[in-house]
mmCIF file of all heavy atoms, coordinates in Angstrom:
data_MODEL
# 
_entry.id   MODEL 
# 
loop_
_atom_site.group_PDB 
_atom_site.id 
_atom_site.type_symbol 
_atom_site.label_atom_id 
_atom_site.label_alt_id 
_atom_site.label_comp_id 
_atom_site.label_asym_id 
_atom_site.label_entity_id 
_atom_site.label_seq_id 
_atom_site.pdbx_PDB_ins_code 
_atom_site.Cartn_x 
_atom_site.Cartn_y 
_atom_site.Cartn_z 
_atom_site.occupancy 
_atom_site.B_iso_or_equiv 
_atom_site.pdbx_formal_charge 
_atom_site.auth_seq_id 
_atom_site.auth_comp_id 
_atom_site.auth_asym_id 
_atom_site.auth_atom_id 
_atom_site.pdbx_PDB_model_num 
ATOM 1   N N   . LEU A 1 1  ? -8.960 10.748 16.275  1.00 0.00 ? 1  LEU A N   1 
ATOM 2   C CA  . LEU A 1 1  ? -8.422 9.686  17.098  1.00 0.00 ? 1  LEU A CA  1 
ATOM 3   C C   . LEU A 1 1  ? -8.166 10.239 18.518  1.00 0.00 ? 1  LEU A C   1 
ATOM 4   O O   . LEU A 1 1  ? -7.347 11.189 18.723  1.00 0.00 ? 1  LEU A O   1 
ATOM 5   C CB  . LEU A 1 1  ? -7.111 9.098  16.612  1.00 0.00 ? 1  LEU A CB  1 
ATOM 6   C CG  . LEU A 1 1  ? -7.180 8.107  15.422  1.00 0.00 ? 1  LEU A CG  1 
ATOM 7   C CD1 . LEU A 1 1  ? -5.798 7.662  15.033  1.00 0.00 ? 1  LEU A CD1 1 
ATOM 8   C CD2 . LEU A 1 1  ? -8.027 6.911  15.799  1.00 0.00 ? 1  LEU A CD2 1 
ATOM 9   N N   . ALA A 1 2  ? -8.771 9.651  19.498  1.00 0.00 ? 2  ALA A N   1 
ATOM 10  C CA  . ALA A 1 2  ? -8.485 9.937  20.866  1.00 0.00 ? 2  ALA A CA  1 
ATOM 11  C C   . ALA A 1 2  ? -7.166 9.246  21.253  1.00 0.00 ? 2  ALA A C   1 
ATOM 12  O O   . ALA A 1 2  ? -6.702 8.321  20.573  1.00 0.00 ? 2  ALA A O   1 
ATOM 13  C CB  . ALA A 1 2  ? -9.621 9.501  21.745  1.00 0.00 ? 2  ALA A CB  1 
ATOM 14  N N   . PRO A 1 3  ? -6.509 9.731  22.318  1.00 0.00 ? 3  PRO A N   1 
ATOM 15  C CA  . PRO A 1 3  ? -5.314 9.055  22.761  1.00 0.00 ? 3  PRO A CA  1 
ATOM 16  C C   . PRO A 1 3  ? -5.543 7.604  22.983  1.00 0.00 ? 3  PRO A C   1 
ATOM 17  O O   . PRO A 1 3  ? -6.513 7.184  23.570  1.00 0.00 ? 3  PRO A O   1 
ATOM 18  C CB  . PRO A 1 3  ? -4.965 9.808  24.058  1.00 0.00 ? 3  PRO A CB  1 
ATOM 19  C CG  . PRO A 1 3  ? -5.528 11.138 23.863  1.00 0.00 ? 3  PRO A CG  1 
ATOM 20  C CD  . PRO A 1 3  ? -6.829 10.935 23.087  1.00 0.00 ? 3  PRO A CD  1 
ATOM 21  N N   . GLY A 1 4  ? -4.606 6.736  22.393  1.00 0.00 ? 4  GLY A N   1 
ATOM 22  C CA  . GLY A 1 4  ? -4.665 5.306  22.545  1.00 0.00 ? 4  GLY A CA  1 
ATOM 23  C C   . GLY A 1 4  ? -5.556 4.640  21.442  1.00 0.00 ? 4  GLY A C   1 
ATOM 24  O O   . GLY A 1 4  ? -5.569 3.439  21.318  1.00 0.00 ? 4  GLY A O   1 
ATOM 25  N N   . ALA A 1 5  ? -6.355 5.428  20.762  1.00 0.00 ? 5  ALA A N   1 
ATOM 26  C CA  . ALA A 1 5  ? -7.255 4.826  19.752  1.00 0.00 ? 5  ALA A CA  1 
ATOM 27  C C   . ALA A 1 5  ? -6.504 4.558  18.445  1.00 0.00 ? 5  ALA A C   1 
ATOM 28  O O   . ALA A 1 5  ? -5.488 5.153  18.150  1.00 0.00 ? 5  ALA A O   1 
ATOM 29  C CB  . ALA A 1 5  ? -8.400 5.739  19.471  1.00 0.00 ? 5  ALA A CB  1 
ATOM 30  N N   . SER A 1 6  ? -7.041 3.596  17.639  1.00 0.00 ? 6  SER A N   1 
ATOM 31  C CA  . SER A 1 6  ? -6.441 3.264  16.368  1.00 0.00 ? 6  SER A CA  1 
ATOM 32  C C   . SER A 1 6  ? -7.518 3.211  15.276  1.00 0.00 ? 6  SER A C   1 
ATOM 33  O O   . SER A 1 6  ? -8.725 3.131  15.572  1.00 0.00 ? 6  SER A O   1 
ATOM 34  C CB  . SER A 1 6  ? -5.810 1.887  16.439  1.00 0.00 ? 6  SER A CB  1 
ATOM 35  O OG  . SER A 1 6  ? -4.739 1.842  17.333  1.00 0.00 ? 6  SER A OG  1 
ATOM 36  N N   . VAL A 1 7  ? -7.088 3.293  13.994  1.00 0.00 ? 7  VAL A N   1 
ATOM 37  C CA  . VAL A 1 7  ? -7.946 3.175  12.839  1.00 0.00 ? 7  VAL A CA  1 
ATOM 38  C C   . VAL A 1 7  ? -7.192 2.597  11.738  1.00 0.00 ? 7  VAL A C   1 
ATOM 39  O O   . VAL A 1 7  ? -5.935 2.744  11.626  1.00 0.00 ? 7  VAL A O   1 
ATOM 40  C CB  . VAL A 1 7  ? -8.559 4.529  12.478  1.00 0.00 ? 7  VAL A CB  1 
ATOM 41  C CG1 . VAL A 1 7  ? -7.452 5.465  11.981  1.00 0.00 ? 7  VAL A CG1 1 
ATOM 42  C CG2 . VAL A 1 7  ? -9.659 4.396  11.436  1.00 0.00 ? 7  VAL A CG2 1 
ATOM 43  N N   . ASP A 1 8  ? -7.884 1.809  10.906  1.00 0.00 ? 8  ASP A N   1 
ATOM 44  C CA  . ASP A 1 8  ? -7.215 1.257  9.676   1.00 0.00 ? 8  ASP A CA  1 
ATOM 45  C C   . ASP A 1 8  ? -7.726 2.039  8.480   1.00 0.00 ? 8  ASP A C   1 
ATOM 46  O O   . ASP A 1 8  ? -8.930 2.093  8.233   1.00 0.00 ? 8  ASP A O   1 
ATOM 47  C CB  . ASP A 1 8  ? -7.593 -0.248 9.512   1.00 0.00 ? 8  ASP A CB  1 
ATOM 48  C CG  . ASP A 1 8  ? -6.834 -1.090 10.452  1.00 0.00 ? 8  ASP A CG  1 
ATOM 49  O OD1 . ASP A 1 8  ? -5.782 -0.699 10.950  1.00 0.00 ? 8  ASP A OD1 1 
ATOM 50  O OD2 . ASP A 1 8  ? -7.287 -2.262 10.719  1.00 0.00 ? 8  ASP A OD2 1 
ATOM 51  N N   . CYS A 1 9  ? -6.781 2.539  7.768   1.00 0.00 ? 9  CYS A N   1 
ATOM 52  C CA  . CYS A 1 9  ? -7.096 3.196  6.464   1.00 0.00 ? 9  CYS A CA  1 
ATOM 53  C C   . CYS A 1 9  ? -6.630 2.254  5.341   1.00 0.00 ? 9  CYS A C   1 
ATOM 54  O O   . CYS A 1 9  ? -5.703 1.449  5.538   1.00 0.00 ? 9  CYS A O   1 
ATOM 55  C CB  . CYS A 1 9  ? -6.309 4.538  6.422   1.00 0.00 ? 9  CYS A CB  1 
ATOM 56  S SG  . CYS A 1 9  ? -6.732 5.669  7.752   1.00 0.00 ? 9  CYS A SG  1 
ATOM 57  N N   . THR A 1 10 ? -7.214 2.362  4.183   1.00 0.00 ? 10 THR A N   1 
ATOM 58  C CA  . THR A 1 10 ? -6.881 1.399  3.076   1.00 0.00 ? 10 THR A CA  1 
ATOM 59  C C   . THR A 1 10 ? -6.806 2.144  1.749   1.00 0.00 ? 10 THR A C   1 
ATOM 60  O O   . THR A 1 10 ? -7.415 3.230  1.564   1.00 0.00 ? 10 THR A O   1 
ATOM 61  C CB  . THR A 1 10 ? -7.982 0.342  2.965   1.00 0.00 ? 10 THR A CB  1 
ATOM 62  O OG1 . THR A 1 10 ? -9.295 0.887  2.766   1.00 0.00 ? 10 THR A OG1 1 
ATOM 63  C CG2 . THR A 1 10 ? -8.001 -0.609 4.213   1.00 0.00 ? 10 THR A CG2 1 
ATOM 64  N N   . ALA A 1 11 ? -6.051 1.481  0.859   1.00 0.00 ? 11 ALA A N   1 
ATOM 65  C CA  . ALA A 1 11 ? -5.948 1.940  -0.541  1.00 0.00 ? 11 ALA A CA  1 
ATOM 66  C C   . ALA A 1 11 ? -5.659 0.737  -1.418  1.00 0.00 ? 11 ALA A C   1 
ATOM 67  O O   . ALA A 1 11 ? -5.159 -0.314 -0.878  1.00 0.00 ? 11 ALA A O   1 
ATOM 68  C CB  . ALA A 1 11 ? -4.859 2.995  -0.675  1.00 0.00 ? 11 ALA A CB  1 
ATOM 69  N N   . THR A 1 12 ? -5.908 0.815  -2.685  1.00 0.00 ? 12 THR A N   1 
ATOM 70  C CA  . THR A 1 12 ? -5.647 -0.322 -3.569  1.00 0.00 ? 12 THR A CA  1 
ATOM 71  C C   . THR A 1 12 ? -4.643 0.120  -4.716  1.00 0.00 ? 12 THR A C   1 
ATOM 72  O O   . THR A 1 12 ? -4.632 1.358  -4.997  1.00 0.00 ? 12 THR A O   1 
ATOM 73  C CB  . THR A 1 12 ? -6.919 -0.851 -4.219  1.00 0.00 ? 12 THR A CB  1 
ATOM 74  O OG1 . THR A 1 12 ? -7.629 0.207  -4.914  1.00 0.00 ? 12 THR A OG1 1 
ATOM 75  C CG2 . THR A 1 12 ? -7.819 -1.494 -3.151  1.00 0.00 ? 12 THR A CG2 1 
ATOM 76  N N   . TYR A 1 13 ? -4.026 -0.803 -5.347  1.00 0.00 ? 13 TYR A N   1 
ATOM 77  C CA  . TYR A 1 13 ? -3.121 -0.573 -6.365  1.00 0.00 ? 13 TYR A CA  1 
ATOM 78  C C   . TYR A 1 13 ? -3.159 -1.735 -7.380  1.00 0.00 ? 13 TYR A C   1 
ATOM 79  O O   . TYR A 1 13 ? -3.082 -2.857 -6.973  1.00 0.00 ? 13 TYR A O   1 
ATOM 80  C CB  . TYR A 1 13 ? -1.632 -0.350 -5.849  1.00 0.00 ? 13 TYR A CB  1 
ATOM 81  C CG  . TYR A 1 13 ? -0.615 -0.208 -6.991  1.00 0.00 ? 13 TYR A CG  1 
ATOM 82  C CD1 . TYR A 1 13 ? -0.601 0.962  -7.678  1.00 0.00 ? 13 TYR A CD1 1 
ATOM 83  C CD2 . TYR A 1 13 ? 0.263  -1.217 -7.205  1.00 0.00 ? 13 TYR A CD2 1 
ATOM 84  C CE1 . TYR A 1 13 ? 0.351  1.102  -8.721  1.00 0.00 ? 13 TYR A CE1 1 
ATOM 85  C CE2 . TYR A 1 13 ? 1.207  -1.028 -8.247  1.00 0.00 ? 13 TYR A CE2 1 
ATOM 86  C CZ  . TYR A 1 13 ? 1.242  0.143  -8.975  1.00 0.00 ? 13 TYR A CZ  1 
ATOM 87  O OH  . TYR A 1 13 ? 2.213  0.283  -9.930  1.00 0.00 ? 13 TYR A OH  1 
ATOM 88  N N   . THR A 1 14 ? -3.204 -1.360 -8.666  1.00 0.00 ? 14 THR A N   1 
ATOM 89  C CA  . THR A 1 14 ? -3.193 -2.424 -9.661  1.00 0.00 ? 14 THR A CA  1 
ATOM 90  C C   . THR A 1 14 ? -1.746 -2.531 -10.279 1.00 0.00 ? 14 THR A C   1 
ATOM 91  O O   . THR A 1 14 ? -1.185 -1.563 -10.754 1.00 0.00 ? 14 THR A O   1 
ATOM 92  C CB  . THR A 1 14 ? -4.148 -2.050 -10.853 1.00 0.00 ? 14 THR A CB  1 
ATOM 93  O OG1 . THR A 1 14 ? -5.474 -1.969 -10.285 1.00 0.00 ? 14 THR A OG1 1 
ATOM 94  C CG2 . THR A 1 14 ? -4.160 -3.165 -11.891 1.00 0.00 ? 14 THR A CG2 1 
ATOM 95  N N   . VAL A 1 15 ? -1.220 -3.746 -10.199 1.00 0.00 ? 15 VAL A N   1 
ATOM 96  C CA  . VAL A 1 15 ? 0.133  -4.012 -10.649 1.00 0.00 ? 15 VAL A CA  1 
ATOM 97  C C   . VAL A 1 15 ? 0.306  -3.806 -12.119 1.00 0.00 ? 15 VAL A C   1 
ATOM 98  O O   . VAL A 1 15 ? -0.543 -4.223 -12.881 1.00 0.00 ? 15 VAL A O   1 
ATOM 99  C CB  . VAL A 1 15 ? 0.565  -5.481 -10.247 1.00 0.00 ? 15 VAL A CB  1 
ATOM 100 C CG1 . VAL A 1 15 ? 1.992  -5.768 -10.715 1.00 0.00 ? 15 VAL A CG1 1 
ATOM 101 C CG2 . VAL A 1 15 ? 0.417  -5.656 -8.713  1.00 0.00 ? 15 VAL A CG2 1 
ATOM 102 N N   . THR A 1 16 ? 1.411  -3.129 -12.513 1.00 0.00 ? 16 THR A N   1 
ATOM 103 C CA  . THR A 1 16 ? 1.691  -2.962 -13.935 1.00 0.00 ? 16 THR A CA  1 
ATOM 104 C C   . THR A 1 16 ? 2.790  -3.914 -14.482 1.00 0.00 ? 16 THR A C   1 
ATOM 105 O O   . THR A 1 16 ? 3.512  -4.540 -13.657 1.00 0.00 ? 16 THR A O   1 
ATOM 106 C CB  . THR A 1 16 ? 2.152  -1.513 -14.186 1.00 0.00 ? 16 THR A CB  1 
ATOM 107 O OG1 . THR A 1 16 ? 3.480  -1.322 -13.629 1.00 0.00 ? 16 THR A OG1 1 
ATOM 108 C CG2 . THR A 1 16 ? 1.183  -0.485 -13.630 1.00 0.00 ? 16 THR A CG2 1 
ATOM 109 N N   . GLN A 1 17 ? 3.013  -4.009 -15.770 1.00 0.00 ? 17 GLN A N   1 
ATOM 110 C CA  . GLN A 1 17 ? 4.016  -4.810 -16.317 1.00 0.00 ? 17 GLN A CA  1 
ATOM 111 C C   . GLN A 1 17 ? 5.406  -4.319 -15.860 1.00 0.00 ? 17 GLN A C   1 
ATOM 112 O O   . GLN A 1 17 ? 6.318  -5.103 -15.626 1.00 0.00 ? 17 GLN A O   1 
ATOM 113 C CB  . GLN A 1 17 ? 3.943  -4.881 -17.853 1.00 0.00 ? 17 GLN A CB  1 
ATOM 114 C CG  . GLN A 1 17 ? 4.916  -5.871 -18.479 1.00 0.00 ? 17 GLN A CG  1 
ATOM 115 C CD  . GLN A 1 17 ? 4.843  -7.257 -17.919 1.00 0.00 ? 17 GLN A CD  1 
ATOM 116 O OE1 . GLN A 1 17 ? 3.764  -7.837 -17.930 1.00 0.00 ? 17 GLN A OE1 1 
ATOM 117 N NE2 . GLN A 1 17 ? 5.962  -7.866 -17.505 1.00 0.00 ? 17 GLN A NE2 1 
ATOM 118 N N   . ALA A 1 18 ? 5.520  -3.009 -15.745 1.00 0.00 ? 18 ALA A N   1 
ATOM 119 C CA  . ALA A 1 18 ? 6.814  -2.418 -15.374 1.00 0.00 ? 18 ALA A CA  1 
ATOM 120 C C   . ALA A 1 18 ? 7.151  -2.845 -13.969 1.00 0.00 ? 18 ALA A C   1 
ATOM 121 O O   . ALA A 1 18 ? 8.327  -3.059 -13.630 1.00 0.00 ? 18 ALA A O   1 
ATOM 122 C CB  . ALA A 1 18 ? 6.772  -0.882 -15.491 1.00 0.00 ? 18 ALA A CB  1 
ATOM 123 N N   . ASP A 1 19 ? 6.151  -3.049 -13.080 1.00 0.00 ? 19 ASP A N   1 
ATOM 124 C CA  . ASP A 1 19 ? 6.400  -3.495 -11.728 1.00 0.00 ? 19 ASP A CA  1 
ATOM 125 C C   . ASP A 1 19 ? 6.928  -4.948 -11.754 1.00 0.00 ? 19 ASP A C   1 
ATOM 126 O O   . ASP A 1 19 ? 7.841  -5.225 -11.051 1.00 0.00 ? 19 ASP A O   1 
ATOM 127 C CB  . ASP A 1 19 ? 5.085  -3.434 -10.908 1.00 0.00 ? 19 ASP A CB  1 
ATOM 128 C CG  . ASP A 1 19 ? 4.514  -1.999 -10.813 1.00 0.00 ? 19 ASP A CG  1 
ATOM 129 O OD1 . ASP A 1 19 ? 5.296  -1.056 -10.793 1.00 0.00 ? 19 ASP A OD1 1 
ATOM 130 O OD2 . ASP A 1 19 ? 3.297  -1.968 -10.665 1.00 0.00 ? 19 ASP A OD2 1 
ATOM 131 N N   . ILE A 1 20 ? 6.272  -5.765 -12.602 1.00 0.00 ? 20 ILE A N   1 
ATOM 132 C CA  . ILE A 1 20 ? 6.758  -7.149 -12.728 1.00 0.00 ? 20 ILE A CA  1 
ATOM 133 C C   . ILE A 1 20 ? 8.185  -7.153 -13.166 1.00 0.00 ? 20 ILE A C   1 
ATOM 134 O O   . ILE A 1 20 ? 9.042  -7.921 -12.664 1.00 0.00 ? 20 ILE A O   1 
ATOM 135 C CB  . ILE A 1 20 ? 5.827  -7.947 -13.680 1.00 0.00 ? 20 ILE A CB  1 
ATOM 136 C CG1 . ILE A 1 20 ? 4.398  -7.960 -13.219 1.00 0.00 ? 20 ILE A CG1 1 
ATOM 137 C CG2 . ILE A 1 20 ? 6.362  -9.333 -13.882 1.00 0.00 ? 20 ILE A CG2 1 
ATOM 138 C CD1 . ILE A 1 20 ? 4.206  -8.637 -11.828 1.00 0.00 ? 20 ILE A CD1 1 
ATOM 139 N N   . ASP A 1 21 ? 8.486  -6.337 -14.173 1.00 0.00 ? 21 ASP A N   1 
ATOM 140 C CA  . ASP A 1 21 ? 9.838  -6.284 -14.682 1.00 0.00 ? 21 ASP A CA  1 
ATOM 141 C C   . ASP A 1 21 ? 10.816 -5.812 -13.663 1.00 0.00 ? 21 ASP A C   1 
ATOM 142 O O   . ASP A 1 21 ? 11.998 -6.306 -13.604 1.00 0.00 ? 21 ASP A O   1 
ATOM 143 C CB  . ASP A 1 21 ? 9.902  -5.383 -15.907 1.00 0.00 ? 21 ASP A CB  1 
ATOM 144 C CG  . ASP A 1 21 ? 9.044  -5.900 -17.088 1.00 0.00 ? 21 ASP A CG  1 
ATOM 145 O OD1 . ASP A 1 21 ? 8.766  -7.089 -17.064 1.00 0.00 ? 21 ASP A OD1 1 
ATOM 146 O OD2 . ASP A 1 21 ? 8.646  -5.053 -17.954 1.00 0.00 ? 21 ASP A OD2 1 
ATOM 147 N N   . ALA A 1 22 ? 10.383 -4.830 -12.782 1.00 0.00 ? 22 ALA A N   1 
ATOM 148 C CA  . ALA A 1 22 ? 11.341 -4.273 -11.751 1.00 0.00 ? 22 ALA A CA  1 
ATOM 149 C C   . ALA A 1 22 ? 11.567 -5.286 -10.659 1.00 0.00 ? 22 ALA A C   1 
ATOM 150 O O   . ALA A 1 22 ? 12.605 -5.219 -9.987  1.00 0.00 ? 22 ALA A O   1 
ATOM 151 C CB  . ALA A 1 22 ? 10.663 -3.074 -11.195 1.00 0.00 ? 22 ALA A CB  1 
ATOM 152 N N   . GLY A 1 23 ? 10.667 -6.246 -10.377 1.00 0.00 ? 23 GLY A N   1 
ATOM 153 C CA  . GLY A 1 23 ? 10.909 -7.251 -9.346  1.00 0.00 ? 23 GLY A CA  1 
ATOM 154 C C   . GLY A 1 23 ? 10.278 -7.030 -8.113  1.00 0.00 ? 23 GLY A C   1 
ATOM 155 O O   . GLY A 1 23 ? 10.211 -7.941 -7.291  1.00 0.00 ? 23 GLY A O   1 
ATOM 156 N N   . SER A 1 24 ? 9.771  -5.812 -7.808  1.00 0.00 ? 24 SER A N   1 
ATOM 157 C CA  . SER A 1 24 ? 9.133  -5.554 -6.533  1.00 0.00 ? 24 SER A CA  1 
ATOM 158 C C   . SER A 1 24 ? 8.450  -4.205 -6.492  1.00 0.00 ? 24 SER A C   1 
ATOM 159 O O   . SER A 1 24 ? 8.718  -3.368 -7.430  1.00 0.00 ? 24 SER A O   1 
ATOM 160 C CB  . SER A 1 24 ? 10.141 -5.536 -5.404  1.00 0.00 ? 24 SER A CB  1 
ATOM 161 O OG  . SER A 1 24 ? 11.042 -4.497 -5.479  1.00 0.00 ? 24 SER A OG  1 
ATOM 162 N N   . ILE A 1 25 ? 7.561  -3.952 -5.551  1.00 0.00 ? 25 ILE A N   1 
ATOM 163 C CA  . ILE A 1 25 ? 6.851  -2.734 -5.386  1.00 0.00 ? 25 ILE A CA  1 
ATOM 164 C C   . ILE A 1 25 ? 7.088  -2.298 -3.919  1.00 0.00 ? 25 ILE A C   1 
ATOM 165 O O   . ILE A 1 25 ? 6.693  -3.011 -2.984  1.00 0.00 ? 25 ILE A O   1 
ATOM 166 C CB  . ILE A 1 25 ? 5.363  -2.846 -5.662  1.00 0.00 ? 25 ILE A CB  1 
ATOM 167 C CG1 . ILE A 1 25 ? 5.136  -3.452 -7.049  1.00 0.00 ? 25 ILE A CG1 1 
ATOM 168 C CG2 . ILE A 1 25 ? 4.637  -1.444 -5.587  1.00 0.00 ? 25 ILE A CG2 1 
ATOM 169 C CD1 . ILE A 1 25 ? 3.704  -3.945 -7.215  1.00 0.00 ? 25 ILE A CD1 1 
ATOM 170 N N   . ALA A 1 26 ? 7.743  -1.157 -3.724  1.00 0.00 ? 26 ALA A N   1 
ATOM 171 C CA  . ALA A 1 26 ? 7.999  -0.614 -2.343  1.00 0.00 ? 26 ALA A CA  1 
ATOM 172 C C   . ALA A 1 26 ? 7.115  0.620  -2.106  1.00 0.00 ? 26 ALA A C   1 
ATOM 173 O O   . ALA A 1 26 ? 7.054  1.464  -2.958  1.00 0.00 ? 26 ALA A O   1 
ATOM 174 C CB  . ALA A 1 26 ? 9.461  -0.367 -2.183  1.00 0.00 ? 26 ALA A CB  1 
ATOM 175 N N   . ASN A 1 27 ? 6.603  0.714  -0.836  1.00 0.00 ? 27 ASN A N   1 
ATOM 176 C CA  . ASN A 1 27 ? 5.747  1.833  -0.539  1.00 0.00 ? 27 ASN A CA  1 
ATOM 177 C C   . ASN A 1 27 ? 6.009  2.291  0.884   1.00 0.00 ? 27 ASN A C   1 
ATOM 178 O O   . ASN A 1 27 ? 5.977  1.460  1.812   1.00 0.00 ? 27 ASN A O   1 
ATOM 179 C CB  . ASN A 1 27 ? 4.268  1.381  -0.661  1.00 0.00 ? 27 ASN A CB  1 
ATOM 180 C CG  . ASN A 1 27 ? 3.282  2.507  -0.633  1.00 0.00 ? 27 ASN A CG  1 
ATOM 181 O OD1 . ASN A 1 27 ? 3.578  3.521  0.005   1.00 0.00 ? 27 ASN A OD1 1 
ATOM 182 N ND2 . ASN A 1 27 ? 2.158  2.350  -1.265  1.00 0.00 ? 27 ASN A ND2 1 
# 
């Protein structure tokens, strides 16, 4: 990245039953 430049990075996550039970997913 040069000064002032931006980039979008990505990742994916598959929700589990424990996440549903917990009520939220924080990252």
